[in-house]
PDB file of N, CA and C in Angstrom:
ATOM      1  N   UNK A   1      91.975  93.937 102.566  1.00  0.00           N
ATOM      2  CA  UNK A   1      91.837  94.719 101.432  1.00  0.00           C
ATOM      3  C   UNK A   1      90.486  95.302 101.472  1.00  0.00           C
ATOM      4  N   UNK A   2      90.409  96.725 101.297  1.00  0.00           N
ATOM      5  CA  UNK A   2      89.124  97.408 101.594  1.00  0.00           C
ATOM      6  C   UNK A   2      88.587  97.506 100.002  1.00  0.00           C
ATOM      7  N   UNK A   3      87.239  98.190  99.971  1.00  0.00           N
ATOM      8  CA  UNK A   3      86.449  98.210  98.699  1.00  0.00           C
ATOM      9  C   UNK A   3      87.175  98.926  97.719  1.00  0.00           C
ATOM     10  N   UNK A   4      87.951 100.054  98.164  1.00  0.00           N
ATOM     11  CA  UNK A   4      88.466 100.958  97.134  1.00  0.00           C
ATOM     12  C   UNK A   4      89.567 100.253  96.496  1.00  0.00           C
ATOM     13  N   UNK A   5      90.455  99.407  97.121  1.00  0.00           N
ATOM     14  CA  UNK A   5      91.574  98.618  96.397  1.00  0.00           C
ATOM     15  C   UNK A   5      90.885  97.672  95.593  1.00  0.00           C
ATOM     16  N   UNK A   6      89.867  97.020  95.898  1.00  0.00           N
ATOM     17  CA  UNK A   6      89.272  96.013  94.919  1.00  0.00           C
ATOM     18  C   UNK A   6      88.700  96.607  93.669  1.00  0.00           C
ATOM     19  N   UNK A   7      88.142  97.963  93.714  1.00  0.00           N
ATOM     20  CA  UNK A   7      87.731  98.696  92.539  1.00  0.00           C
ATOM     21  C   UNK A   7      88.936  99.018  91.775  1.00  0.00           C
ATOM     22  N   UNK A   8      90.038  99.419  92.284  1.00  0.00           N
ATOM     23  CA  UNK A   8      91.202  99.732  91.519  1.00  0.00           C
ATOM     24  C   UNK A   8      91.942  98.517  90.985  1.00  0.00           C
ATOM     25  N   UNK A   9      91.901  97.465  91.575  1.00  0.00           N
ATOM     26  CA  UNK A   9      92.384  96.179  91.013  1.00  0.00           C
ATOM     27  C   UNK A   9      91.434  95.822  89.773  1.00  0.00           C
ATOM     28  N   UNK A  10      90.233  95.855  90.017  1.00  0.00           N
ATOM     29  CA  UNK A  10      89.250  95.425  88.944  1.00  0.00           C
ATOM     30  C   UNK A  10      89.571  96.300  87.761  1.00  0.00           C
ATOM     31  N   UNK A  11      89.656  97.742  87.910  1.00  0.00           N
ATOM     32  CA  UNK A  11      89.677  98.709  86.932  1.00  0.00           C
ATOM     33  C   UNK A  11      91.171  98.406  86.253  1.00  0.00           C
ATOM     34  N   UNK A  12      92.239  98.237  86.874  1.00  0.00           N
ATOM     35  CA  UNK A  12      93.407  97.608  86.101  1.00  0.00           C
ATOM     36  C   UNK A  12      93.311  96.482  85.349  1.00  0.00           C
ATOM     37  N   UNK A  13      92.367  95.380  85.788  1.00  0.00           N
ATOM     38  CA  UNK A  13      92.218  94.301  85.061  1.00  0.00           C
ATOM     39  C   UNK A  13      91.490  94.325  83.839  1.00  0.00           C
ATOM     40  N   UNK A  14      90.374  95.246  83.946  1.00  0.00           N
ATOM     41  CA  UNK A  14      89.515  95.363  82.897  1.00  0.00           C
ATOM     42  C   UNK A  14      89.855  96.427  81.990  1.00  0.00           C
ATOM     43  N   UNK A  15      90.842  97.284  82.334  1.00  0.00           N
ATOM     44  CA  UNK A  15      91.341  98.308  81.250  1.00  0.00           C
ATOM     45  C   UNK A  15      90.411  99.551  81.424  1.00  0.00           C
ATOM     46  N   UNK A  16      90.049  99.986  82.434  1.00  0.00           N
ATOM     47  CA  UNK A  16      89.200 101.179  82.657  1.00  0.00           C
ATOM     48  C   UNK A  16      90.011 102.321  83.110  1.00  0.00           C
ATOM     49  N   UNK A  17      89.793 103.537  82.554  1.00  0.00           N
ATOM     50  CA  UNK A  17      90.437 104.649  83.071  1.00  0.00           C
ATOM     51  C   UNK A  17      89.943 104.985  84.485  1.00  0.00           C
ATOM     52  N   UNK A  18      90.761 105.643  85.178  1.00  0.00           N
ATOM     53  CA  UNK A  18      90.403 106.206  86.566  1.00  0.00           C
ATOM     54  C   UNK A  18      90.708 107.656  86.631  1.00  0.00           C
ATOM     55  N   UNK A  19      89.956 108.338  87.636  1.00  0.00           N
ATOM     56  CA  UNK A  19      90.287 109.803  87.875  1.00  0.00           C
ATOM     57  C   UNK A  19      90.398 109.685  89.572  1.00  0.00           C
ATOM     58  N   UNK A  20      91.252 110.483  90.015  1.00  0.00           N
ATOM     59  CA  UNK A  20      91.475 110.619  91.687  1.00  0.00           C
ATOM     60  C   UNK A  20      92.250 111.868  91.895  1.00  0.00           C
ATOM     61  N   UNK A  21      92.234 112.118  93.130  1.00  0.00           N
ATOM     62  CA  UNK A  21      93.085 113.257  93.874  1.00  0.00           C
ATOM     63  C   UNK A  21      94.232 112.612  94.457  1.00  0.00           C
ATOM     64  N   UNK A  22      95.478 113.143  94.344  1.00  0.00           N
ATOM     65  CA  UNK A  22      96.605 112.688  94.940  1.00  0.00           C
ATOM     66  C   UNK A  22      97.379 113.989  95.423  1.00  0.00           C
ATOM     67  N   UNK A  23      97.392 113.908  96.893  1.00  0.00           N
ATOM     68  CA  UNK A  23      97.918 115.049  97.658  1.00  0.00           C
ATOM     69  C   UNK A  23      97.229 116.106  97.149  1.00  0.00           C
ATOM     70  N   UNK A  24      97.744 117.305  96.549  1.00  0.00           N
ATOM     71  CA  UNK A  24      97.122 118.329  96.053  1.00  0.00           C
ATOM     72  C   UNK A  24      96.896 118.495  94.584  1.00  0.00           C
ATOM     73  N   UNK A  25      96.830 117.297  93.817  1.00  0.00           N
ATOM     74  CA  UNK A  25      96.726 117.442  92.450  1.00  0.00           C
ATOM     75  C   UNK A  25      95.304 116.382  92.092  1.00  0.00           C
ATOM     76  N   UNK A  26      94.598 116.822  91.071  1.00  0.00           N
ATOM     77  CA  UNK A  26      93.468 115.909  90.673  1.00  0.00           C
ATOM     78  C   UNK A  26      93.830 115.423  89.214  1.00  0.00           C
ATOM     79  N   UNK A  27      93.993 114.183  89.091  1.00  0.00           N
ATOM     80  CA  UNK A  27      94.418 113.505  87.984  1.00  0.00           C
ATOM     81  C   UNK A  27      93.212 112.954  87.414  1.00  0.00           C
ATOM     82  N   UNK A  28      93.096 113.014  85.893  1.00  0.00           N
ATOM     83  CA  UNK A  28      92.034 112.525  85.167  1.00  0.00           C
ATOM     84  C   UNK A  28      92.487 111.774  84.172  1.00  0.00           C
ATOM     85  N   UNK A  29      91.730 110.609  83.645  1.00  0.00           N
ATOM     86  CA  UNK A  29      91.940 109.678  82.762  1.00  0.00           C
ATOM     87  C   UNK A  29      93.256 109.050  82.913  1.00  0.00           C
ATOM     88  N   UNK A  30      93.484 108.475  84.003  1.00  0.00           N
ATOM     89  CA  UNK A  30      94.780 107.763  84.279  1.00  0.00           C
ATOM     90  C   UNK A  30      94.617 106.265  83.946  1.00  0.00           C
ATOM     91  N   UNK A  31      95.579 105.682  83.405  1.00  0.00           N
ATOM     92  CA  UNK A  31      95.384 104.252  82.953  1.00  0.00           C
ATOM     93  C   UNK A  31      96.061 103.425  84.182  1.00  0.00           C
ATOM     94  N   UNK A  32      95.477 102.795  84.860  1.00  0.00           N
ATOM     95  CA  UNK A  32      95.869 101.894  86.060  1.00  0.00           C
ATOM     96  C   UNK A  32      96.542 100.599  85.490  1.00  0.00           C
ATOM     97  N   UNK A  33      97.756 100.373  85.621  1.00  0.00           N
ATOM     98  CA  UNK A  33      98.424  99.032  85.284  1.00  0.00           C
ATOM     99  C   UNK A  33      98.170  98.109  86.249  1.00  0.00           C
ATOM    100  N   UNK A  34      98.751  98.258  87.512  1.00  0.00           N
ATOM    101  CA  UNK A  34      98.485  97.127  88.415  1.00  0.00           C
ATOM    102  C   UNK A  34      98.524  97.741  89.880  1.00  0.00           C
ATOM    103  N   UNK A  35      98.262  97.104  90.863  1.00  0.00           N
ATOM    104  CA  UNK A  35      98.164  97.353  92.260  1.00  0.00           C
ATOM    105  C   UNK A  35      99.227  96.375  93.045  1.00  0.00           C
ATOM    106  N   UNK A  36     100.121  96.936  93.590  1.00  0.00           N
ATOM    107  CA  UNK A  36     101.105  96.227  94.360  1.00  0.00           C
ATOM    108  C   UNK A  36     101.078  96.371  95.777  1.00  0.00           C
ATOM    109  N   UNK A  37     101.695  95.391  96.637  1.00  0.00           N
ATOM    110  CA  UNK A  37     101.771  95.572  97.979  1.00  0.00           C
ATOM    111  C   UNK A  37     103.226  95.396  98.413  1.00  0.00           C
ATOM    112  N   UNK A  38     103.938  96.354  98.926  1.00  0.00           N
ATOM    113  CA  UNK A  38     105.279  96.189  99.380  1.00  0.00           C
ATOM    114  C   UNK A  38     105.381  97.020 100.808  1.00  0.00           C
ATOM    115  N   UNK A  39     106.023  96.282 101.771  1.00  0.00           N
ATOM    116  CA  UNK A  39     106.360  96.982 102.955  1.00  0.00           C
ATOM    117  C   UNK A  39     105.175  97.460 103.686  1.00  0.00           C
ATOM    118  N   UNK A  40     104.109  96.745 103.774  1.00  0.00           N
ATOM    119  CA  UNK A  40     102.904  97.043 104.211  1.00  0.00           C
ATOM    120  C   UNK A  40     102.109  98.365 103.679  1.00  0.00           C
ATOM    121  N   UNK A  41     102.252  98.620 102.552  1.00  0.00           N
ATOM    122  CA  UNK A  41     101.635  99.696 101.812  1.00  0.00           C
ATOM    123  C   UNK A  41     101.288  99.213 100.338  1.00  0.00           C
ATOM    124  N   UNK A  42     100.168  99.758 100.048  1.00  0.00           N
ATOM    125  CA  UNK A  42      99.730  99.516  98.649  1.00  0.00           C
ATOM    126  C   UNK A  42     100.125 100.687  97.577  1.00  0.00           C
ATOM    127  N   UNK A  43     100.518 100.302  96.288  1.00  0.00           N
ATOM    128  CA  UNK A  43     101.109 101.295  95.359  1.00  0.00           C
ATOM    129  C   UNK A  43     100.386 101.005  94.154  1.00  0.00           C
ATOM    130  N   UNK A  44      99.807 101.989  93.480  1.00  0.00           N
ATOM    131  CA  UNK A  44      99.319 101.905  92.272  1.00  0.00           C
ATOM    132  C   UNK A  44     100.150 102.384  91.119  1.00  0.00           C
ATOM    133  N   UNK A  45     100.390 101.385  90.200  1.00  0.00           N
ATOM    134  CA  UNK A  45     101.393 101.635  89.065  1.00  0.00           C
ATOM    135  C   UNK A  45     100.683 102.141  87.884  1.00  0.00           C
ATOM    136  N   UNK A  46     100.938 103.190  87.193  1.00  0.00           N
ATOM    137  CA  UNK A  46     100.469 103.736  86.006  1.00  0.00           C
ATOM    138  C   UNK A  46     101.655 104.017  85.018  1.00  0.00           C
ATOM    139  N   UNK A  47     101.397 104.280  83.749  1.00  0.00           N
ATOM    140  CA  UNK A  47     102.500 104.458  82.887  1.00  0.00           C
ATOM    141  C   UNK A  47     103.378 105.615  83.095  1.00  0.00           C
ATOM    142  N   UNK A  48     102.807 106.597  83.994  1.00  0.00           N
ATOM    143  CA  UNK A  48     103.642 107.874  84.149  1.00  0.00           C
ATOM    144  C   UNK A  48     104.368 107.904  85.588  1.00  0.00           C
ATOM    145  N   UNK A  49     103.758 107.085  86.564  1.00  0.00           N
ATOM    146  CA  UNK A  49     104.210 107.168  87.955  1.00  0.00           C
ATOM    147  C   UNK A  49     103.792 106.070  88.732  1.00  0.00           C
ATOM    148  N   UNK A  50     104.187 106.069  90.159  1.00  0.00           N
ATOM    149  CA  UNK A  50     103.788 105.141  91.071  1.00  0.00           C
ATOM    150  C   UNK A  50     103.071 105.945  92.091  1.00  0.00           C
ATOM    151  N   UNK A  51     101.885 105.611  92.561  1.00  0.00           N
ATOM    152  CA  UNK A  51     101.286 106.386  93.564  1.00  0.00           C
ATOM    153  C   UNK A  51     100.924 105.580  94.883  1.00  0.00           C
ATOM    154  N   UNK A  52     101.359 106.158  95.942  1.00  0.00           N
ATOM    155  CA  UNK A  52     101.035 105.370  97.403  1.00  0.00           C
ATOM    156  C   UNK A  52      99.509 105.619  97.669  1.00  0.00           C
ATOM    157  N   UNK A  53      99.007 104.307  97.870  1.00  0.00           N
ATOM    158  CA  UNK A  53      97.431 104.407  98.042  1.00  0.00           C
ATOM    159  C   UNK A  53      96.929 105.290  99.217  1.00  0.00           C
ATOM    160  N   UNK A  54      97.771 105.292 100.214  1.00  0.00           N
ATOM    161  CA  UNK A  54      97.222 106.109 101.261  1.00  0.00           C
ATOM    162  C   UNK A  54      97.042 107.680 100.963  1.00  0.00           C
ATOM    163  N   UNK A  55      97.585 108.121  99.963  1.00  0.00           N
ATOM    164  CA  UNK A  55      97.439 109.495  99.511  1.00  0.00           C
ATOM    165  C   UNK A  55      96.369 109.693  98.553  1.00  0.00           C
ATOM    166  N   UNK A  56      95.967 108.707  97.906  1.00  0.00           N
ATOM    167  CA  UNK A  56      94.873 108.699  96.949  1.00  0.00           C
ATOM    168  C   UNK A  56      93.455 108.968  97.472  1.00  0.00           C
ATOM    169  N   UNK A  57      92.763 109.861  97.099  1.00  0.00           N
ATOM    170  CA  UNK A  57      91.319 110.154  97.371  1.00  0.00           C
ATOM    171  C   UNK A  57      90.353 110.409  96.313  1.00  0.00           C
ATOM    172  N   UNK A  58      89.173 110.220  96.644  1.00  0.00           N
ATOM    173  CA  UNK A  58      88.033 110.394  95.508  1.00  0.00           C
ATOM    174  C   UNK A  58      88.178 109.786  94.213  1.00  0.00           C
ATOM    175  N   UNK A  59      88.462 108.570  94.389  1.00  0.00           N
ATOM    176  CA  UNK A  59      88.571 107.734  93.236  1.00  0.00           C
ATOM    177  C   UNK A  59      87.235 107.537  92.559  1.00  0.00           C
ATOM    178  N   UNK A  60      87.312 107.645  91.198  1.00  0.00           N
ATOM    179  CA  UNK A  60      86.406 107.444  90.295  1.00  0.00           C
ATOM    180  C   UNK A  60      86.847 106.539  89.199  1.00  0.00           C
ATOM    181  N   UNK A  61      85.984 105.547  88.972  1.00  0.00           N
ATOM    182  CA  UNK A  61      86.245 104.503  87.764  1.00  0.00           C
ATOM    183  C   UNK A  61      85.417 104.934  86.675  1.00  0.00           C
ATOM    184  N   UNK A  62      86.026 105.203  85.620  1.00  0.00           N
ATOM    185  CA  UNK A  62      85.211 105.404  84.210  1.00  0.00           C
ATOM    186  C   UNK A  62      84.888 104.055  83.524  1.00  0.00           C
ATOM    187  N   UNK A  63      83.823 104.399  82.867  1.00  0.00           N
ATOM    188  CA  UNK A  63      83.350 103.241  81.855  1.00  0.00           C
ATOM    189  C   UNK A  63      84.273 103.087  80.649  1.00  0.00           C
ATOM    190  N   UNK A  64      84.805 104.109  80.305  1.00  0.00           N
ATOM    191  CA  UNK A  64      85.723 104.167  79.114  1.00  0.00           C
ATOM    192  C   UNK A  64      86.951 103.191  79.320  1.00  0.00           C
ATOM    193  N   UNK A  65      87.222 102.520  78.255  1.00  0.00           N
ATOM    194  CA  UNK A  65      88.356 101.545  78.443  1.00  0.00           C
ATOM    195  C   UNK A  65      89.549 102.159  77.475  1.00  0.00           C
ATOM    196  N   UNK A  66      90.703 101.767  77.980  1.00  0.00           N
ATOM    197  CA  UNK A  66      91.913 102.019  77.183  1.00  0.00           C
ATOM    198  C   UNK A  66      92.337 100.784  76.305  1.00  0.00           C
TER     199      UNK A  66
END
């Protein structure tokens, strides 16, 4: 598990908002619910969608909590 995955896991546990780029979209103030590992890939679960970690870039963890 690399450092970005650990930060995402901690943000989900602590209830911090995150911002990131996914493919050609920039998403802000997203609630991370959990990080899962299936079929050799990591997935980020949010209330609205499930994102494949390989396509996530420019992750920013906010100090603001939900």
